[in-house]
């Protein structure tokens, strides 16, 4: 019985990886073994950084809210604590946007919280 090799699937698998490696520099874009390692690493980084992005943005929002609150004589923790006590349910993303782009609206929130 002749040897059976599924070359079609093998070639498709390699083409898929090489297509993902498009735009890479040097041998990373056209040599199978190098491209496979580069693509695997890139996929790991993208998975990790989709989670890290959320942490980074939360930290940025906190920094912006803190800067806005300090302009009105409050620290971030005081502001967030009194915001919670006053029953205003605005998330950090919205508060950071108000502090950056609409300072008068942010000032009104701080006044209501004090």
Protein backbone atom coordinates (compact mmCIF):
# COMPACT_ATOMS: atom_id res chain seq x y z
CA UNK A 1 0.00 0.00 0.00
CA UNK A 2 1.44 3.39 -0.91
CA UNK A 3 2.35 5.93 1.71
CA UNK A 4 -0.38 8.53 2.26
CA UNK A 5 0.63 12.09 3.14
CA UNK A 6 -1.82 14.92 3.57
CA UNK A 7 0.24 17.54 1.73
CA UNK A 8 -2.77 19.72 1.00
CA UNK A 9 -3.47 20.36 4.68
CA UNK A 10 0.23 20.79 5.42
CA UNK A 11 0.61 23.41 2.69
CA UNK A 12 -2.57 25.20 3.79
CA UNK A 13 -1.31 25.34 7.36
CA UNK A 14 2.00 26.82 6.25
CA UNK A 15 0.37 29.31 3.91
CA UNK A 16 -1.86 30.48 6.76
CA UNK A 17 1.12 31.13 9.04
CA UNK A 18 3.13 32.84 6.29
CA UNK A 19 0.15 35.06 5.53
CA UNK A 20 0.01 36.05 9.21
CA UNK A 21 3.74 36.87 9.06
CA UNK A 22 3.22 39.32 6.19
CA UNK A 23 4.99 42.59 6.91
CA UNK A 24 7.64 41.06 9.15
CA UNK A 25 11.31 41.85 8.41
CA UNK A 26 13.86 39.52 6.86
CA UNK A 27 13.49 35.75 7.18
CA UNK A 28 10.59 36.15 9.60
CA UNK A 29 8.25 36.75 6.65
CA UNK A 30 9.22 33.93 4.28
CA UNK A 31 11.08 31.11 6.06
CA UNK A 32 8.63 28.64 7.56
CA UNK A 33 10.43 27.77 10.82
CA UNK A 34 11.35 31.39 11.62
CA UNK A 35 7.91 32.72 10.62
CA UNK A 36 6.13 30.09 12.72
CA UNK A 37 8.07 31.10 15.83
CA UNK A 38 7.54 34.81 15.14
CA UNK A 39 3.79 34.38 14.62
CA UNK A 40 3.45 32.24 17.77
CA UNK A 41 5.23 34.90 19.82
CA UNK A 42 3.13 37.66 18.27
CA UNK A 43 -0.07 35.79 19.14
CA UNK A 44 1.08 35.41 22.74
CA UNK A 45 1.85 39.13 22.94
CA UNK A 46 -1.49 40.10 21.45
CA UNK A 47 -3.39 37.85 23.88
CA UNK A 48 -1.46 39.23 26.86
CA UNK A 49 -1.74 42.84 25.80
CA UNK A 50 -5.49 42.74 25.21
CA UNK A 51 -5.69 42.27 28.98
CA UNK A 52 -2.90 44.71 29.81
CA UNK A 53 -4.62 47.42 27.75
CA UNK A 54 -7.56 47.44 30.15
CA UNK A 55 -5.22 47.95 33.12
CA UNK A 56 -3.31 50.70 31.33
CA UNK A 57 -6.46 52.63 30.46
CA UNK A 58 -7.84 52.37 34.00
CA UNK A 59 -4.57 53.78 35.33
CA UNK A 60 -4.71 56.62 32.77
CA UNK A 61 -8.30 57.46 33.76
CA UNK A 62 -7.35 57.52 37.45
CA UNK A 63 -4.46 59.89 36.72
CA UNK A 64 -6.73 62.25 34.78
CA UNK A 65 -9.46 62.23 37.43
CA UNK A 66 -6.86 62.88 40.13
CA UNK A 67 -5.50 65.86 38.21
CA UNK A 68 -8.99 67.25 37.72
CA UNK A 69 -9.99 66.71 41.35
CA UNK A 70 -6.81 68.36 42.66
CA UNK A 71 -7.62 71.50 40.69
CA UNK A 72 -10.69 71.76 42.91
CA UNK A 73 -8.91 70.99 46.18
CA UNK A 74 -9.68 67.27 46.53
CA UNK A 75 -7.56 64.17 46.20
CA UNK A 76 -8.63 61.27 43.98
CA UNK A 77 -9.59 59.04 46.91
CA UNK A 78 -11.62 61.79 48.61
CA UNK A 79 -13.37 62.56 45.34
CA UNK A 80 -14.23 58.94 44.54
CA UNK A 81 -15.36 58.25 48.10
CA UNK A 82 -17.70 61.24 48.21
CA UNK A 83 -18.90 60.45 44.70
CA UNK A 84 -19.92 57.01 45.93
CA UNK A 85 -21.62 58.44 49.04
CA UNK A 86 -23.57 61.01 47.03
CA UNK A 87 -24.97 58.26 44.80
CA UNK A 88 -23.56 59.53 41.51
CA UNK A 89 -22.89 56.51 39.30
CA UNK A 90 -20.37 57.65 36.71
CA UNK A 91 -17.54 55.32 35.76
CA UNK A 92 -13.89 56.33 35.58
CA UNK A 93 -13.87 56.45 31.78
CA UNK A 94 -16.63 59.08 31.70
CA UNK A 95 -15.17 61.05 34.61
CA UNK A 96 -11.74 61.15 32.94
CA UNK A 97 -13.31 62.38 29.70
CA UNK A 98 -15.18 65.10 31.58
CA UNK A 99 -12.03 66.15 33.43
CA UNK A 100 -10.06 66.42 30.18
CA UNK A 101 -12.56 67.75 27.64
CA UNK A 102 -15.35 69.38 29.67
CA UNK A 103 -13.80 70.98 32.77
CA UNK A 104 -16.94 73.01 33.57
CA UNK A 105 -19.05 69.84 33.73
CA UNK A 106 -16.41 68.17 35.91
CA UNK A 107 -16.38 71.26 38.17
CA UNK A 108 -20.16 70.97 38.55
CA UNK A 109 -19.80 67.33 39.63
CA UNK A 110 -17.11 68.26 42.16
CA UNK A 111 -19.30 71.06 43.51
CA UNK A 112 -22.24 68.66 43.89
CA UNK A 113 -20.01 66.10 45.64
CA UNK A 114 -18.47 68.55 48.17
